[in-house]
Structures are given as structure tokens and as C-alpha cells.
Amino acid sequence: MVSLVCQTVVAADDPAFGAPTKFVGPVFTEEEGRRLAGLRGWQVRPDGSSWRRVVASPEPQAMVELATIRMLMTNGAVVICAGGGASR
């Protein structure tokens, strides 16, 4: 059994970088969310009655470790892999 964290190739000019929409991390009050956004360079948005950080979710172009995953599976390994990707 092999556990593998994968890297995903994305296009640098993907429009998602200009309009982050994926909520990540804990919830904040509006005041705290805006304070942390200013302090850390985050973008935040309302998520229901709370505020959360948002990040880009660009369209995946390729998986860096695909050849490794195929080799492991071909040789009988059970492969558990995870990585980033677009959510639609």
C-alpha cells in the first residue's frame, strides 16, 4: 500500500486566479476575516453568516505523478492518492 500526495499542473493564466471562489480554513467574523485578509494578503468572502478565506480553484491540466501511480499499480501496489483540482 502506498499513500501519495500528488501535484497538479495548472495554467498560469487560468481565470480562476483572478476570482478565487474555493472556501478553505476556519470561519471568522467579518471583522476578524477582514483583519486577517489585510494582515496576510488573503481574500475573504461571506460564507453564510460567517466569513472565510477563498483561494483559486484552477482547472487541472495534468498530474505530475501519473507515471509513478501507474507504475505502482502495475506492480501490485494499492495506491491512495490525493491532490488539488477544480470543484464544479
N, C-alpha and C. Protein backbone atom coordinates (compact mmCIF):
# COMPACT_ATOMS: atom_id res chain seq x y z
N MET A 1 0.85 -1.17 0.00
CA MET A 1 0.00 0.00 0.00
C MET A 1 0.90 1.23 0.00
N VAL A 2 0.55 2.18 -0.85
CA VAL A 2 1.33 3.42 -0.97
C VAL A 2 0.37 4.60 -0.86
N SER A 3 0.73 5.57 -0.04
CA SER A 3 -0.03 6.81 0.05
C SER A 3 0.81 7.90 -0.61
N LEU A 4 0.19 8.64 -1.52
CA LEU A 4 0.93 9.60 -2.33
C LEU A 4 0.18 10.92 -2.40
N VAL A 5 0.86 12.01 -2.07
CA VAL A 5 0.28 13.34 -2.25
C VAL A 5 0.71 13.81 -3.64
N CYS A 6 -0.26 14.14 -4.46
CA CYS A 6 0.01 14.47 -5.86
C CYS A 6 0.08 15.97 -6.10
N GLN A 7 0.84 16.32 -7.13
CA GLN A 7 0.91 17.70 -7.59
C GLN A 7 0.11 17.81 -8.87
N THR A 8 -0.61 18.90 -9.01
CA THR A 8 -1.45 19.12 -10.19
C THR A 8 -0.92 20.32 -10.96
N VAL A 9 -0.72 20.14 -12.25
CA VAL A 9 -0.28 21.22 -13.12
C VAL A 9 -1.51 22.02 -13.55
N VAL A 10 -1.41 23.35 -13.45
CA VAL A 10 -2.49 24.23 -13.88
C VAL A 10 -1.90 25.31 -14.78
N ALA A 11 -2.74 25.95 -15.56
CA ALA A 11 -2.29 27.04 -16.43
C ALA A 11 -2.14 28.32 -15.61
N ALA A 12 -1.02 28.99 -15.76
CA ALA A 12 -0.76 30.23 -15.02
C ALA A 12 -1.78 31.32 -15.34
N ASP A 13 -2.36 31.25 -16.54
CA ASP A 13 -3.33 32.27 -16.93
C ASP A 13 -4.78 31.84 -16.73
N ASP A 14 -5.00 30.79 -15.95
CA ASP A 14 -6.37 30.33 -15.67
C ASP A 14 -7.14 31.46 -15.00
N PRO A 15 -8.35 31.76 -15.48
CA PRO A 15 -9.16 32.85 -14.91
C PRO A 15 -9.48 32.67 -13.42
N ALA A 16 -9.40 31.46 -12.92
CA ALA A 16 -9.70 31.21 -11.50
C ALA A 16 -8.77 31.98 -10.57
N PHE A 17 -7.55 32.26 -11.03
CA PHE A 17 -6.62 33.01 -10.18
C PHE A 17 -7.09 34.45 -9.97
N GLY A 18 -7.86 34.97 -10.90
CA GLY A 18 -8.36 36.33 -10.77
C GLY A 18 -9.64 36.46 -9.98
N ALA A 19 -10.29 35.32 -9.71
CA ALA A 19 -11.56 35.34 -8.99
C ALA A 19 -11.66 34.11 -8.08
N PRO A 20 -10.91 34.09 -6.98
CA PRO A 20 -10.93 32.94 -6.08
C PRO A 20 -12.34 32.66 -5.54
N THR A 21 -12.71 31.39 -5.49
CA THR A 21 -14.05 31.01 -5.03
C THR A 21 -14.07 29.86 -4.04
N LYS A 22 -12.98 29.11 -3.90
CA LYS A 22 -12.98 27.91 -3.05
C LYS A 22 -12.74 28.30 -1.59
N PHE A 23 -13.72 28.00 -0.74
CA PHE A 23 -13.58 28.29 0.69
C PHE A 23 -12.61 27.30 1.32
N VAL A 24 -11.70 27.82 2.15
CA VAL A 24 -10.75 26.98 2.88
C VAL A 24 -10.61 27.50 4.30
N GLY A 25 -10.29 26.60 5.21
CA GLY A 25 -9.97 27.00 6.56
C GLY A 25 -11.17 27.31 7.43
N PRO A 26 -10.88 27.86 8.62
CA PRO A 26 -11.92 28.11 9.61
C PRO A 26 -12.80 29.31 9.25
N VAL A 27 -13.86 29.46 10.02
CA VAL A 27 -14.77 30.59 9.84
C VAL A 27 -14.37 31.73 10.78
N PHE A 28 -14.69 32.95 10.36
CA PHE A 28 -14.37 34.14 11.13
C PHE A 28 -15.57 35.07 11.15
N THR A 29 -15.55 36.00 12.08
CA THR A 29 -16.48 37.11 11.99
C THR A 29 -16.02 37.98 10.83
N GLU A 30 -16.87 38.85 10.36
CA GLU A 30 -16.47 39.72 9.26
C GLU A 30 -15.26 40.57 9.66
N GLU A 31 -15.30 41.11 10.86
CA GLU A 31 -14.20 41.96 11.33
C GLU A 31 -12.88 41.18 11.36
N GLU A 32 -12.90 39.99 11.94
CA GLU A 32 -11.67 39.18 12.04
C GLU A 32 -11.21 38.72 10.65
N GLY A 33 -12.14 38.33 9.80
CA GLY A 33 -11.79 37.90 8.44
C GLY A 33 -11.12 39.02 7.66
N ARG A 34 -11.68 40.21 7.75
CA ARG A 34 -11.09 41.35 7.03
C ARG A 34 -9.73 41.72 7.61
N ARG A 35 -9.60 41.62 8.93
CA ARG A 35 -8.32 41.93 9.58
C ARG A 35 -7.24 40.96 9.11
N LEU A 36 -7.57 39.66 9.13
CA LEU A 36 -6.60 38.65 8.69
C LEU A 36 -6.29 38.79 7.20
N ALA A 37 -7.28 39.13 6.41
CA ALA A 37 -7.06 39.33 4.97
C ALA A 37 -6.04 40.43 4.74
N GLY A 38 -6.18 41.53 5.47
CA GLY A 38 -5.23 42.63 5.34
C GLY A 38 -3.85 42.27 5.84
N LEU A 39 -3.81 41.54 6.93
CA LEU A 39 -2.54 41.15 7.55
C LEU A 39 -1.78 40.12 6.73
N ARG A 40 -2.51 39.16 6.17
CA ARG A 40 -1.87 38.01 5.49
C ARG A 40 -2.00 38.03 3.97
N GLY A 41 -2.65 39.04 3.42
CA GLY A 41 -2.81 39.10 1.98
C GLY A 41 -3.84 38.13 1.43
N TRP A 42 -4.76 37.70 2.27
CA TRP A 42 -5.82 36.77 1.86
C TRP A 42 -6.93 37.52 1.15
N GLN A 43 -7.77 36.74 0.49
CA GLN A 43 -9.07 37.23 0.04
C GLN A 43 -10.09 36.48 0.88
N VAL A 44 -11.09 37.18 1.37
CA VAL A 44 -12.14 36.56 2.18
C VAL A 44 -13.50 36.94 1.61
N ARG A 45 -14.47 36.09 1.88
CA ARG A 45 -15.84 36.33 1.43
C ARG A 45 -16.81 35.78 2.46
N PRO A 46 -18.05 36.27 2.41
CA PRO A 46 -19.06 35.71 3.31
C PRO A 46 -19.37 34.27 2.92
N ASP A 47 -19.55 33.44 3.94
CA ASP A 47 -19.95 32.04 3.78
C ASP A 47 -21.08 31.82 4.77
N GLY A 48 -22.30 32.06 4.32
CA GLY A 48 -23.43 32.05 5.25
C GLY A 48 -23.33 33.26 6.15
N SER A 49 -23.41 33.02 7.45
CA SER A 49 -23.32 34.14 8.40
C SER A 49 -21.89 34.41 8.85
N SER A 50 -20.93 33.62 8.37
CA SER A 50 -19.52 33.78 8.73
C SER A 50 -18.72 34.24 7.53
N TRP A 51 -17.43 34.47 7.75
CA TRP A 51 -16.51 34.83 6.68
C TRP A 51 -15.40 33.80 6.64
N ARG A 52 -14.93 33.50 5.42
CA ARG A 52 -13.86 32.53 5.26
C ARG A 52 -12.90 32.98 4.17
N ARG A 53 -11.71 32.43 4.22
CA ARG A 53 -10.72 32.67 3.18
C ARG A 53 -11.16 31.95 1.90
N VAL A 54 -10.87 32.56 0.76
CA VAL A 54 -11.12 31.92 -0.54
C VAL A 54 -9.82 31.85 -1.32
N VAL A 55 -9.65 30.75 -2.06
CA VAL A 55 -8.48 30.55 -2.89
C VAL A 55 -8.93 30.16 -4.29
N ALA A 56 -8.03 30.27 -5.24
CA ALA A 56 -8.33 29.89 -6.61
C ALA A 56 -8.49 28.38 -6.73
N SER A 57 -9.32 27.97 -7.66
CA SER A 57 -9.51 26.55 -7.97
C SER A 57 -9.39 26.37 -9.48
N PRO A 58 -8.15 26.48 -9.99
CA PRO A 58 -7.95 26.40 -11.44
C PRO A 58 -8.21 25.00 -11.98
N GLU A 59 -8.52 24.94 -13.27
CA GLU A 59 -8.79 23.67 -13.94
C GLU A 59 -7.49 22.87 -14.04
N PRO A 60 -7.49 21.61 -13.58
CA PRO A 60 -6.27 20.78 -13.67
C PRO A 60 -5.90 20.51 -15.13
N GLN A 61 -4.62 20.55 -15.43
CA GLN A 61 -4.12 20.25 -16.76
C GLN A 61 -3.46 18.87 -16.81
N ALA A 62 -2.79 18.49 -15.73
CA ALA A 62 -2.08 17.20 -15.68
C ALA A 62 -1.72 16.88 -14.24
N MET A 63 -1.49 15.60 -13.98
CA MET A 63 -0.99 15.16 -12.68
C MET A 63 0.49 14.82 -12.84
N VAL A 64 1.35 15.42 -12.04
CA VAL A 64 2.79 15.22 -12.14
C VAL A 64 3.17 13.77 -11.88
N GLU A 65 2.53 13.13 -10.92
CA GLU A 65 2.91 11.78 -10.51
C GLU A 65 2.16 10.67 -11.23
N LEU A 66 1.49 10.95 -12.34
CA LEU A 66 0.69 9.93 -13.01
C LEU A 66 1.51 8.71 -13.42
N ALA A 67 2.69 8.90 -13.96
CA ALA A 67 3.53 7.76 -14.35
C ALA A 67 3.90 6.91 -13.13
N THR A 68 4.18 7.57 -12.01
CA THR A 68 4.51 6.85 -10.77
C THR A 68 3.31 6.05 -10.28
N ILE A 69 2.13 6.65 -10.32
CA ILE A 69 0.91 5.94 -9.90
C ILE A 69 0.70 4.70 -10.77
N ARG A 70 0.84 4.86 -12.08
CA ARG A 70 0.66 3.72 -12.99
C ARG A 70 1.68 2.62 -12.72
N MET A 71 2.95 3.00 -12.49
CA MET A 71 3.99 2.01 -12.20
C MET A 71 3.68 1.25 -10.92
N LEU A 72 3.27 1.97 -9.89
CA LEU A 72 2.95 1.31 -8.62
C LEU A 72 1.78 0.34 -8.78
N MET A 73 0.74 0.77 -9.49
CA MET A 73 -0.42 -0.09 -9.69
C MET A 73 -0.06 -1.31 -10.54
N THR A 74 0.75 -1.12 -11.56
CA THR A 74 1.19 -2.23 -12.42
C THR A 74 1.95 -3.27 -11.62
N ASN A 75 2.63 -2.82 -10.58
CA ASN A 75 3.42 -3.72 -9.74
C ASN A 75 2.67 -4.20 -8.51
N GLY A 76 1.35 -4.04 -8.51
CA GLY A 76 0.52 -4.64 -7.47
C GLY A 76 0.27 -3.80 -6.23
N ALA A 77 0.73 -2.57 -6.21
CA ALA A 77 0.51 -1.73 -5.03
C ALA A 77 -0.92 -1.20 -5.02
N VAL A 78 -1.46 -1.07 -3.82
CA VAL A 78 -2.72 -0.36 -3.64
C VAL A 78 -2.32 1.10 -3.44
N VAL A 79 -2.77 1.97 -4.34
CA VAL A 79 -2.33 3.36 -4.32
C VAL A 79 -3.46 4.27 -3.82
N ILE A 80 -3.17 5.01 -2.79
CA ILE A 80 -4.09 6.03 -2.28
C ILE A 80 -3.45 7.36 -2.62
N CYS A 81 -4.10 8.12 -3.48
CA CYS A 81 -3.50 9.39 -3.89
C CYS A 81 -4.53 10.50 -3.78
N ALA A 82 -4.02 11.69 -3.51
CA ALA A 82 -4.90 12.86 -3.39
C ALA A 82 -4.12 14.09 -3.82
N GLY A 83 -4.85 15.07 -4.25
CA GLY A 83 -4.22 16.32 -4.67
C GLY A 83 -5.27 17.35 -5.02
N GLY A 84 -4.82 18.50 -5.43
CA GLY A 84 -5.73 19.58 -5.77
C GLY A 84 -6.45 19.35 -7.09
N GLY A 85 -7.47 20.14 -7.30
CA GLY A 85 -8.23 20.07 -8.54
C GLY A 85 -9.42 21.00 -8.49
N ALA A 86 -10.04 21.17 -9.60
CA ALA A 86 -11.19 22.07 -9.67
C ALA A 86 -12.43 21.39 -9.12
N SER A 87 -13.22 22.13 -8.42
CA SER A 87 -14.50 21.62 -7.94
C SER A 87 -15.61 22.34 -8.70
N ARG A 88 -16.47 21.62 -9.27
CA ARG A 88 -17.55 22.21 -10.06
C ARG A 88 -18.88 21.75 -9.53
